[in-house]
Amino acid sequence: MSSALKKRKIAVLGSRSVGKSSLVKQFIENHFMDSYYPTIESTFAKSVVYKGVEYDCHIIDTAGQDEYSPINSQYAIGIHGYVLVYSITSKNSFNMIQIVYDKIVDFCGVSKIPCVIVGSKSDLYMSRQVDSKDGEKLAKTNDCAWIETSAKNNVNVGKVFELCLQEIEKMTAPNQAEPPAKSCVLM
């Protein structure tokens, strides 16, 4: 008997032109687009096997965020995990990550979210403005996973979504243990 697929909704957020769509397209379609078309919003589906479990992942590629963008309720309700993307070539996009993280946490009314912080465009290391150590430190501060990627060279792209599933499972696994038996007495 095979169990049903675990459904997971993952939202990909970050500043404009940091490579969110390139990351998602490389993951879903195994191809890189060199040209830039601003995204309004797209949703993609892909089955992913992680630690022997098959997941039906719905990935929401969002429009670029800025500090004044309100967090839409659809990025908070029913979302299992978040991929927050900055470009290693843009200090401003890196600074936006904490703002977006805080907005999601506030909107959801929680203290922590399952999240991967992604430094994209690692192939453009000659134009680096954000040191790897800063990315790691930000992730550690927020108790998130962190990774650097290159959608262009398909480096660590699949790993982003594995890490996101790992972060989701870390937060849901304790709740999936059998609840202690409780007895109810009716009088």
N, C-alpha and C. Protein backbone atom coordinates (compact mmCIF):
# COMPACT_ATOMS: atom_id res chain seq x y z
N MET A 1 0.85 -1.19 0.00
CA MET A 1 0.00 0.00 0.00
C MET A 1 0.89 1.24 0.00
N SER A 2 0.66 2.11 -0.95
CA SER A 2 1.46 3.34 -0.96
C SER A 2 0.67 4.46 -0.31
N SER A 3 1.36 5.23 0.48
CA SER A 3 0.68 6.33 1.15
C SER A 3 0.56 7.51 0.20
N ALA A 4 -0.37 8.37 0.46
CA ALA A 4 -0.59 9.54 -0.39
C ALA A 4 0.62 10.47 -0.32
N LEU A 5 0.82 11.23 -1.39
CA LEU A 5 1.91 12.20 -1.41
C LEU A 5 1.69 13.24 -0.32
N LYS A 6 2.78 13.66 0.28
CA LYS A 6 2.69 14.78 1.22
C LYS A 6 2.68 16.04 0.38
N LYS A 7 1.70 16.88 0.58
CA LYS A 7 1.62 18.15 -0.17
C LYS A 7 2.35 19.24 0.60
N ARG A 8 3.18 19.99 -0.10
CA ARG A 8 3.91 21.10 0.51
C ARG A 8 3.85 22.31 -0.39
N LYS A 9 3.47 23.44 0.19
CA LYS A 9 3.45 24.71 -0.55
C LYS A 9 4.65 25.53 -0.11
N ILE A 10 5.44 25.97 -1.09
CA ILE A 10 6.66 26.71 -0.81
C ILE A 10 6.60 28.05 -1.55
N ALA A 11 6.78 29.14 -0.83
CA ALA A 11 6.78 30.48 -1.44
C ALA A 11 8.22 30.95 -1.60
N VAL A 12 8.54 31.46 -2.79
CA VAL A 12 9.87 31.99 -3.08
C VAL A 12 9.75 33.51 -3.12
N LEU A 13 10.42 34.18 -2.19
CA LEU A 13 10.33 35.63 -2.08
C LEU A 13 11.71 36.27 -2.08
N GLY A 14 11.75 37.56 -2.38
CA GLY A 14 12.99 38.32 -2.38
C GLY A 14 12.81 39.56 -3.24
N SER A 15 13.84 40.39 -3.29
CA SER A 15 13.79 41.63 -4.07
C SER A 15 13.64 41.33 -5.57
N ARG A 16 13.36 42.39 -6.33
CA ARG A 16 13.27 42.26 -7.79
C ARG A 16 14.62 41.87 -8.37
N SER A 17 14.59 41.06 -9.40
CA SER A 17 15.75 40.65 -10.22
C SER A 17 16.90 40.01 -9.45
N VAL A 18 16.57 39.25 -8.39
CA VAL A 18 17.62 38.53 -7.66
C VAL A 18 17.79 37.10 -8.18
N GLY A 19 16.88 36.67 -9.06
CA GLY A 19 16.99 35.33 -9.63
C GLY A 19 15.98 34.32 -9.10
N LYS A 20 14.87 34.81 -8.54
CA LYS A 20 13.85 33.89 -8.02
C LYS A 20 13.29 33.01 -9.13
N SER A 21 12.86 33.63 -10.22
CA SER A 21 12.26 32.87 -11.33
C SER A 21 13.28 31.95 -11.99
N SER A 22 14.52 32.41 -12.12
CA SER A 22 15.57 31.58 -12.71
C SER A 22 15.80 30.33 -11.85
N LEU A 23 15.80 30.50 -10.54
CA LEU A 23 15.97 29.40 -9.61
C LEU A 23 14.82 28.39 -9.77
N VAL A 24 13.59 28.91 -9.77
CA VAL A 24 12.41 28.04 -9.88
C VAL A 24 12.38 27.34 -11.24
N LYS A 25 12.62 28.09 -12.32
CA LYS A 25 12.61 27.50 -13.68
C LYS A 25 13.68 26.43 -13.82
N GLN A 26 14.86 26.67 -13.27
CA GLN A 26 15.94 25.68 -13.35
C GLN A 26 15.52 24.42 -12.59
N PHE A 27 14.88 24.59 -11.44
CA PHE A 27 14.44 23.45 -10.63
C PHE A 27 13.33 22.67 -11.32
N ILE A 28 12.36 23.36 -11.87
CA ILE A 28 11.18 22.71 -12.47
C ILE A 28 11.48 22.19 -13.87
N GLU A 29 12.10 23.04 -14.71
CA GLU A 29 12.24 22.73 -16.14
C GLU A 29 13.66 22.41 -16.58
N ASN A 30 14.63 22.48 -15.65
CA ASN A 30 16.03 22.23 -15.97
C ASN A 30 16.53 23.11 -17.10
N HIS A 31 16.16 24.38 -17.07
CA HIS A 31 16.71 25.29 -18.07
C HIS A 31 16.81 26.69 -17.51
N PHE A 32 17.77 27.44 -18.03
CA PHE A 32 18.07 28.79 -17.55
C PHE A 32 17.70 29.80 -18.63
N MET A 33 16.98 30.84 -18.22
CA MET A 33 16.65 31.93 -19.14
C MET A 33 17.59 33.08 -18.87
N ASP A 34 18.24 33.56 -19.92
CA ASP A 34 19.21 34.65 -19.77
C ASP A 34 18.54 36.01 -19.68
N SER A 35 17.33 36.13 -20.24
CA SER A 35 16.66 37.44 -20.24
C SER A 35 15.79 37.59 -19.00
N TYR A 36 15.49 38.83 -18.66
CA TYR A 36 14.72 39.11 -17.45
C TYR A 36 13.35 39.64 -17.80
N TYR A 37 12.33 38.94 -17.33
CA TYR A 37 10.95 39.39 -17.45
C TYR A 37 10.39 39.45 -16.04
N PRO A 38 9.95 40.63 -15.60
CA PRO A 38 9.42 40.71 -14.23
C PRO A 38 8.25 39.75 -14.04
N THR A 39 8.26 39.06 -12.92
CA THR A 39 7.21 38.09 -12.61
C THR A 39 6.07 38.78 -11.88
N ILE A 40 4.86 38.44 -12.26
CA ILE A 40 3.70 38.88 -11.48
C ILE A 40 3.51 37.84 -10.38
N GLU A 41 3.27 36.62 -10.79
CA GLU A 41 3.26 35.48 -9.88
C GLU A 41 2.97 34.24 -10.69
N SER A 42 3.69 33.17 -10.41
CA SER A 42 3.48 31.89 -11.09
C SER A 42 3.54 30.79 -10.05
N THR A 43 2.79 29.73 -10.28
CA THR A 43 2.84 28.57 -9.39
C THR A 43 3.23 27.36 -10.22
N PHE A 44 4.16 26.59 -9.71
CA PHE A 44 4.65 25.40 -10.39
C PHE A 44 4.48 24.21 -9.46
N ALA A 45 4.33 23.02 -10.05
CA ALA A 45 4.22 21.81 -9.25
C ALA A 45 5.28 20.82 -9.67
N LYS A 46 5.84 20.13 -8.69
CA LYS A 46 6.84 19.10 -8.98
C LYS A 46 6.84 18.10 -7.84
N SER A 47 6.94 16.82 -8.20
CA SER A 47 7.09 15.79 -7.17
C SER A 47 8.56 15.67 -6.84
N VAL A 48 8.85 15.63 -5.56
CA VAL A 48 10.22 15.55 -5.08
C VAL A 48 10.31 14.42 -4.07
N VAL A 49 11.33 13.57 -4.22
CA VAL A 49 11.56 12.52 -3.23
C VAL A 49 12.66 13.02 -2.30
N TYR A 50 12.33 13.11 -1.03
CA TYR A 50 13.29 13.56 -0.02
C TYR A 50 13.26 12.56 1.14
N LYS A 51 14.42 11.99 1.45
CA LYS A 51 14.55 10.98 2.51
C LYS A 51 13.53 9.85 2.34
N GLY A 52 13.37 9.41 1.09
CA GLY A 52 12.49 8.28 0.81
C GLY A 52 11.00 8.59 0.80
N VAL A 53 10.64 9.84 1.01
CA VAL A 53 9.23 10.24 1.03
C VAL A 53 8.96 11.10 -0.19
N GLU A 54 7.85 10.83 -0.86
CA GLU A 54 7.51 11.63 -2.04
C GLU A 54 6.63 12.81 -1.63
N TYR A 55 7.04 13.99 -2.09
CA TYR A 55 6.32 15.22 -1.78
C TYR A 55 5.76 15.82 -3.06
N ASP A 56 4.53 16.28 -3.00
CA ASP A 56 3.92 17.02 -4.09
C ASP A 56 4.13 18.50 -3.75
N CYS A 57 5.14 19.10 -4.37
CA CYS A 57 5.50 20.49 -4.03
C CYS A 57 4.84 21.48 -4.98
N HIS A 58 4.20 22.46 -4.41
CA HIS A 58 3.66 23.58 -5.18
C HIS A 58 4.53 24.79 -4.82
N ILE A 59 5.20 25.31 -5.83
CA ILE A 59 6.17 26.38 -5.61
C ILE A 59 5.60 27.66 -6.19
N ILE A 60 5.46 28.67 -5.33
CA ILE A 60 4.92 29.96 -5.74
C ILE A 60 6.07 30.92 -5.97
N ASP A 61 6.25 31.29 -7.24
CA ASP A 61 7.27 32.25 -7.64
C ASP A 61 6.61 33.63 -7.58
N THR A 62 7.00 34.44 -6.62
CA THR A 62 6.31 35.71 -6.36
C THR A 62 6.95 36.88 -7.10
N ALA A 63 6.20 37.97 -7.17
CA ALA A 63 6.75 39.21 -7.69
C ALA A 63 7.78 39.72 -6.70
N GLY A 64 8.74 40.51 -7.17
CA GLY A 64 9.79 41.04 -6.31
C GLY A 64 9.22 41.87 -5.17
N GLN A 65 9.82 41.72 -4.02
CA GLN A 65 9.41 42.46 -2.82
C GLN A 65 10.31 43.68 -2.64
N ASP A 66 9.78 44.70 -2.02
CA ASP A 66 10.63 45.78 -1.52
C ASP A 66 10.15 46.09 -0.12
N GLU A 67 10.83 47.01 0.55
CA GLU A 67 10.49 47.21 1.96
C GLU A 67 9.07 47.72 2.17
N TYR A 68 8.47 48.28 1.11
CA TYR A 68 7.11 48.82 1.22
C TYR A 68 6.05 47.85 0.74
N SER A 69 6.46 46.72 0.16
CA SER A 69 5.49 45.73 -0.32
C SER A 69 4.79 45.11 0.88
N PRO A 70 3.46 45.14 0.86
CA PRO A 70 2.78 44.43 1.95
C PRO A 70 2.92 42.93 1.69
N ILE A 71 2.97 42.16 2.75
CA ILE A 71 3.00 40.71 2.58
C ILE A 71 1.56 40.28 2.36
N ASN A 72 1.32 39.70 1.21
CA ASN A 72 0.00 39.25 0.83
C ASN A 72 -0.37 38.04 1.68
N SER A 73 -1.63 37.95 2.07
CA SER A 73 -2.05 36.83 2.93
C SER A 73 -1.80 35.49 2.26
N GLN A 74 -1.80 35.45 0.93
CA GLN A 74 -1.57 34.17 0.26
C GLN A 74 -0.13 33.68 0.45
N TYR A 75 0.77 34.57 0.91
CA TYR A 75 2.13 34.15 1.18
C TYR A 75 2.29 33.72 2.64
N ALA A 76 1.21 33.72 3.36
CA ALA A 76 1.27 33.33 4.76
C ALA A 76 0.33 32.16 5.05
N ILE A 77 -0.85 32.19 4.47
CA ILE A 77 -1.86 31.17 4.76
C ILE A 77 -1.63 29.94 3.89
N GLY A 78 -1.50 28.81 4.53
CA GLY A 78 -1.34 27.55 3.79
C GLY A 78 0.04 27.32 3.22
N ILE A 79 0.99 28.18 3.53
CA ILE A 79 2.37 28.00 3.06
C ILE A 79 3.12 27.17 4.10
N HIS A 80 3.80 26.15 3.64
CA HIS A 80 4.54 25.29 4.56
C HIS A 80 5.97 25.77 4.78
N GLY A 81 6.57 26.36 3.74
CA GLY A 81 7.96 26.79 3.86
C GLY A 81 8.28 27.93 2.93
N TYR A 82 9.39 28.60 3.21
CA TYR A 82 9.78 29.80 2.46
C TYR A 82 11.21 29.68 1.96
N VAL A 83 11.41 30.19 0.75
CA VAL A 83 12.74 30.33 0.17
C VAL A 83 12.92 31.83 -0.03
N LEU A 84 13.83 32.43 0.75
CA LEU A 84 14.07 33.87 0.67
C LEU A 84 15.38 34.09 -0.08
N VAL A 85 15.28 34.76 -1.25
CA VAL A 85 16.40 34.85 -2.16
C VAL A 85 16.97 36.27 -2.22
N TYR A 86 18.31 36.35 -2.13
CA TYR A 86 19.02 37.61 -2.39
C TYR A 86 20.09 37.30 -3.42
N SER A 87 20.60 38.33 -4.07
CA SER A 87 21.70 38.15 -5.01
C SER A 87 23.00 38.48 -4.30
N ILE A 88 24.02 37.65 -4.49
CA ILE A 88 25.32 37.93 -3.85
C ILE A 88 25.93 39.21 -4.43
N THR A 89 25.35 39.71 -5.54
CA THR A 89 25.87 40.93 -6.17
C THR A 89 25.12 42.18 -5.74
N SER A 90 24.21 42.04 -4.75
CA SER A 90 23.40 43.18 -4.32
C SER A 90 23.22 43.21 -2.80
N LYS A 91 23.94 44.12 -2.15
CA LYS A 91 23.81 44.28 -0.70
C LYS A 91 22.38 44.68 -0.33
N ASN A 92 21.74 45.50 -1.17
CA ASN A 92 20.35 45.91 -0.89
C ASN A 92 19.41 44.71 -0.85
N SER A 93 19.56 43.78 -1.79
CA SER A 93 18.68 42.61 -1.82
C SER A 93 18.93 41.74 -0.58
N PHE A 94 20.16 41.70 -0.11
CA PHE A 94 20.50 40.96 1.10
C PHE A 94 19.83 41.61 2.32
N ASN A 95 19.90 42.93 2.39
CA ASN A 95 19.28 43.65 3.51
C ASN A 95 17.77 43.46 3.54
N MET A 96 17.15 43.20 2.40
CA MET A 96 15.70 42.98 2.33
C MET A 96 15.28 41.66 2.97
N ILE A 97 16.17 40.70 3.03
CA ILE A 97 15.80 39.37 3.53
C ILE A 97 15.25 39.44 4.96
N GLN A 98 15.93 40.17 5.86
CA GLN A 98 15.45 40.27 7.24
C GLN A 98 14.09 40.97 7.29
N ILE A 99 13.91 41.99 6.46
CA ILE A 99 12.63 42.72 6.43
C ILE A 99 11.50 41.78 5.99
N VAL A 100 11.73 41.02 4.91
CA VAL A 100 10.71 40.09 4.42
C VAL A 100 10.45 38.99 5.46
N TYR A 101 11.51 38.46 6.05
CA TYR A 101 11.37 37.43 7.08
C TYR A 101 10.49 37.95 8.23
N ASP A 102 10.82 39.15 8.72
CA ASP A 102 10.06 39.74 9.83
C ASP A 102 8.60 39.98 9.47
N LYS A 103 8.35 40.41 8.24
CA LYS A 103 6.96 40.64 7.79
C LYS A 103 6.17 39.33 7.80
N ILE A 104 6.79 38.25 7.31
CA ILE A 104 6.10 36.95 7.28
C ILE A 104 5.80 36.49 8.71
N VAL A 105 6.81 36.57 9.57
CA VAL A 105 6.65 36.14 10.97
C VAL A 105 5.52 36.94 11.63
N ASP A 106 5.53 38.27 11.43
CA ASP A 106 4.47 39.12 12.01
C ASP A 106 3.12 38.74 11.45
N PHE A 107 3.04 38.57 10.14
CA PHE A 107 1.77 38.28 9.49
C PHE A 107 1.21 36.95 9.97
N CYS A 108 2.09 35.96 10.12
CA CYS A 108 1.67 34.61 10.54
C CYS A 108 1.43 34.52 12.04
N GLY A 109 1.95 35.50 12.79
CA GLY A 109 1.77 35.48 14.24
C GLY A 109 2.55 34.35 14.90
N VAL A 110 3.74 34.06 14.35
CA VAL A 110 4.59 33.00 14.91
C VAL A 110 5.95 33.60 15.24
N SER A 111 6.80 32.80 15.89
CA SER A 111 8.14 33.32 16.21
C SER A 111 9.19 32.82 15.23
N LYS A 112 8.85 31.78 14.44
CA LYS A 112 9.81 31.18 13.51
C LYS A 112 9.05 30.55 12.35
N ILE A 113 9.66 30.62 11.17
CA ILE A 113 9.07 29.97 10.00
C ILE A 113 10.08 29.00 9.38
N PRO A 114 9.60 27.93 8.75
CA PRO A 114 10.52 27.03 8.04
C PRO A 114 11.05 27.77 6.81
N CYS A 115 12.34 27.97 6.74
CA CYS A 115 12.88 28.89 5.76
C CYS A 115 14.30 28.53 5.33
N VAL A 116 14.58 28.77 4.04
CA VAL A 116 15.93 28.68 3.50
C VAL A 116 16.29 30.05 2.95
N ILE A 117 17.42 30.57 3.38
CA ILE A 117 17.93 31.84 2.83
C ILE A 117 18.93 31.47 1.74
N VAL A 118 18.70 32.04 0.55
CA VAL A 118 19.48 31.66 -0.63
C VAL A 118 20.24 32.86 -1.19
N GLY A 119 21.55 32.70 -1.30
CA GLY A 119 22.39 33.68 -1.99
C GLY A 119 22.50 33.23 -3.43
N SER A 120 21.82 33.91 -4.34
CA SER A 120 21.80 33.48 -5.74
C SER A 120 22.92 34.16 -6.53
N LYS A 121 23.08 33.68 -7.76
CA LYS A 121 24.04 34.23 -8.72
C LYS A 121 25.49 34.03 -8.27
N SER A 122 25.77 32.87 -7.66
CA SER A 122 27.15 32.60 -7.20
C SER A 122 28.14 32.55 -8.36
N ASP A 123 27.63 32.39 -9.58
CA ASP A 123 28.51 32.41 -10.76
C ASP A 123 29.08 33.81 -11.01
N LEU A 124 28.46 34.84 -10.42
CA LEU A 124 28.93 36.23 -10.59
C LEU A 124 29.82 36.65 -9.41
N TYR A 125 30.64 35.72 -8.93
CA TYR A 125 31.48 35.97 -7.75
C TYR A 125 32.42 37.17 -7.91
N MET A 126 32.76 37.53 -9.15
CA MET A 126 33.64 38.70 -9.36
C MET A 126 32.95 40.01 -8.97
N SER A 127 31.61 39.99 -8.94
CA SER A 127 30.83 41.19 -8.59
C SER A 127 30.21 41.07 -7.20
N ARG A 128 30.72 40.14 -6.39
CA ARG A 128 30.14 39.87 -5.07
C ARG A 128 30.12 41.12 -4.19
N GLN A 129 28.95 41.38 -3.58
CA GLN A 129 28.80 42.45 -2.58
C GLN A 129 28.44 41.88 -1.21
N VAL A 130 28.01 40.60 -1.19
CA VAL A 130 27.58 39.98 0.06
C VAL A 130 28.49 38.78 0.32
N ASP A 131 29.23 38.82 1.41
CA ASP A 131 30.12 37.74 1.78
C ASP A 131 29.31 36.53 2.25
N SER A 132 29.81 35.35 1.94
CA SER A 132 29.15 34.11 2.38
C SER A 132 28.92 34.10 3.89
N LYS A 133 29.90 34.59 4.64
CA LYS A 133 29.80 34.60 6.11
C LYS A 133 28.58 35.41 6.56
N ASP A 134 28.27 36.50 5.84
CA ASP A 134 27.10 37.32 6.20
C ASP A 134 25.81 36.55 5.97
N GLY A 135 25.75 35.80 4.87
CA GLY A 135 24.58 34.98 4.59
C GLY A 135 24.38 33.92 5.65
N GLU A 136 25.47 33.24 6.00
CA GLU A 136 25.41 32.20 7.04
C GLU A 136 24.98 32.79 8.38
N LYS A 137 25.52 33.97 8.71
CA LYS A 137 25.21 34.62 9.99
C LYS A 137 23.72 35.00 10.05
N LEU A 138 23.19 35.55 8.96
CA LEU A 138 21.77 35.91 8.91
C LEU A 138 20.89 34.67 9.10
N ALA A 139 21.26 33.59 8.43
CA ALA A 139 20.49 32.34 8.56
C ALA A 139 20.54 31.82 10.00
N LYS A 140 21.72 31.86 10.60
CA LYS A 140 21.88 31.39 11.98
C LYS A 140 21.04 32.24 12.94
N THR A 141 21.07 33.56 12.74
CA THR A 141 20.29 34.48 13.57
C THR A 141 18.80 34.13 13.55
N ASN A 142 18.30 33.74 12.37
CA ASN A 142 16.87 33.43 12.22
C ASN A 142 16.57 31.94 12.30
N ASP A 143 17.58 31.13 12.65
CA ASP A 143 17.43 29.68 12.75
C ASP A 143 16.87 29.09 11.44
N CYS A 144 17.50 29.49 10.33
CA CYS A 144 17.10 29.02 9.00
C CYS A 144 18.26 28.27 8.36
N ALA A 145 17.96 27.56 7.30
CA ALA A 145 19.02 26.96 6.48
C ALA A 145 19.55 28.05 5.55
N TRP A 146 20.76 27.85 5.01
CA TRP A 146 21.36 28.83 4.10
C TRP A 146 22.16 28.09 3.04
N ILE A 147 22.15 28.63 1.82
CA ILE A 147 22.92 28.04 0.73
C ILE A 147 23.14 29.10 -0.34
N GLU A 148 24.23 28.96 -1.09
CA GLU A 148 24.45 29.80 -2.26
C GLU A 148 24.22 28.96 -3.50
N THR A 149 23.66 29.59 -4.55
CA THR A 149 23.29 28.86 -5.76
C THR A 149 23.70 29.63 -7.02
N SER A 150 23.69 28.90 -8.12
CA SER A 150 23.77 29.50 -9.44
C SER A 150 22.75 28.79 -10.31
N ALA A 151 21.66 29.49 -10.63
CA ALA A 151 20.66 28.90 -11.52
C ALA A 151 21.27 28.72 -12.92
N LYS A 152 22.12 29.66 -13.30
CA LYS A 152 22.76 29.60 -14.62
C LYS A 152 23.57 28.32 -14.79
N ASN A 153 24.36 27.97 -13.78
CA ASN A 153 25.21 26.78 -13.84
C ASN A 153 24.59 25.56 -13.15
N ASN A 154 23.34 25.70 -12.70
CA ASN A 154 22.60 24.64 -12.00
C ASN A 154 23.39 24.11 -10.80
N VAL A 155 23.88 25.03 -9.97
CA VAL A 155 24.63 24.68 -8.77
C VAL A 155 23.73 24.85 -7.55
N ASN A 156 23.53 23.77 -6.81
CA ASN A 156 22.74 23.75 -5.55
C ASN A 156 21.27 24.10 -5.73
N VAL A 157 20.73 24.05 -6.96
CA VAL A 157 19.33 24.43 -7.18
C VAL A 157 18.39 23.43 -6.50
N GLY A 158 18.58 22.13 -6.76
CA GLY A 158 17.73 21.13 -6.12
C GLY A 158 17.90 21.12 -4.61
N LYS A 159 19.12 21.41 -4.15
CA LYS A 159 19.43 21.42 -2.72
C LYS A 159 18.59 22.47 -1.98
N VAL A 160 18.27 23.59 -2.64
CA VAL A 160 17.44 24.64 -2.01
C VAL A 160 16.12 24.04 -1.55
N PHE A 161 15.49 23.27 -2.44
CA PHE A 161 14.15 22.76 -2.12
C PHE A 161 14.23 21.56 -1.17
N GLU A 162 15.34 20.80 -1.21
CA GLU A 162 15.56 19.76 -0.21
C GLU A 162 15.71 20.39 1.18
N LEU A 163 16.50 21.46 1.25
CA LEU A 163 16.67 22.16 2.53
C LEU A 163 15.35 22.71 3.04
N CYS A 164 14.53 23.22 2.12
CA CYS A 164 13.23 23.77 2.53
C CYS A 164 12.35 22.64 3.10
N LEU A 165 12.33 21.49 2.43
CA LEU A 165 11.57 20.35 2.96
C LEU A 165 12.11 19.93 4.32
N GLN A 166 13.43 19.95 4.46
CA GLN A 166 14.06 19.61 5.74
C GLN A 166 13.60 20.57 6.84
N GLU A 167 13.58 21.86 6.53
CA GLU A 167 13.15 22.87 7.51
C GLU A 167 11.67 22.69 7.86
N ILE A 168 10.85 22.38 6.86
CA ILE A 168 9.41 22.14 7.10
C ILE A 168 9.25 20.94 8.01
N GLU A 169 9.95 19.85 7.69
CA GLU A 169 9.81 18.62 8.48
C GLU A 169 10.32 18.81 9.91
N LYS A 170 11.37 19.62 10.07
CA LYS A 170 11.88 19.90 11.42
C LYS A 170 10.79 20.50 12.29
N MET A 171 9.96 21.35 11.69
CA MET A 171 8.92 22.03 12.48
C MET A 171 7.63 21.23 12.58
N THR A 172 7.39 20.29 11.64
CA THR A 172 6.14 19.53 11.71
C THR A 172 6.32 18.17 12.36
N ALA A 173 7.53 17.59 12.28
CA ALA A 173 7.75 16.24 12.80
C ALA A 173 7.36 16.06 14.26
N PRO A 174 7.73 16.99 15.17
CA PRO A 174 7.35 16.76 16.57
C PRO A 174 5.83 16.65 16.75
N ASN A 175 5.08 17.33 15.92
CA ASN A 175 3.62 17.31 16.05
C ASN A 175 3.03 16.04 15.44
N GLN A 176 3.83 15.29 14.66
CA GLN A 176 3.29 14.11 14.02
C GLN A 176 3.48 12.86 14.85
N ALA A 177 4.15 12.99 15.98
CA ALA A 177 4.29 11.84 16.87
C ALA A 177 2.92 11.50 17.43
N GLU A 178 2.74 10.26 17.82
CA GLU A 178 1.45 9.87 18.37
C GLU A 178 1.15 10.70 19.63
N PRO A 179 -0.01 11.31 19.67
CA PRO A 179 -0.33 12.08 20.88
C PRO A 179 -0.51 11.12 22.06
N PRO A 180 -0.17 11.58 23.26
CA PRO A 180 -0.34 10.69 24.42
C PRO A 180 -1.81 10.32 24.58
N ALA A 181 -2.03 9.09 24.99
CA ALA A 181 -3.41 8.62 25.17
C ALA A 181 -4.06 9.41 26.30
N LYS A 182 -5.24 9.90 26.02
CA LYS A 182 -5.98 10.64 27.05
C LYS A 182 -7.31 9.94 27.23
N SER A 183 -7.76 9.90 28.45
CA SER A 183 -9.06 9.28 28.66
C SER A 183 -10.08 10.38 28.97
N CYS A 184 -11.26 10.10 28.57
CA CYS A 184 -12.34 11.05 28.77
C CYS A 184 -13.43 10.35 29.57
N VAL A 185 -13.86 10.97 30.61
CA VAL A 185 -14.91 10.38 31.43
C VAL A 185 -16.16 11.23 31.31
N LEU A 186 -17.23 10.59 30.88
CA LEU A 186 -18.52 11.30 30.79
C LEU A 186 -19.33 10.99 32.01
N MET A 187 -19.88 12.01 32.58
CA MET A 187 -20.68 11.82 33.79
C MET A 187 -22.11 12.11 33.49
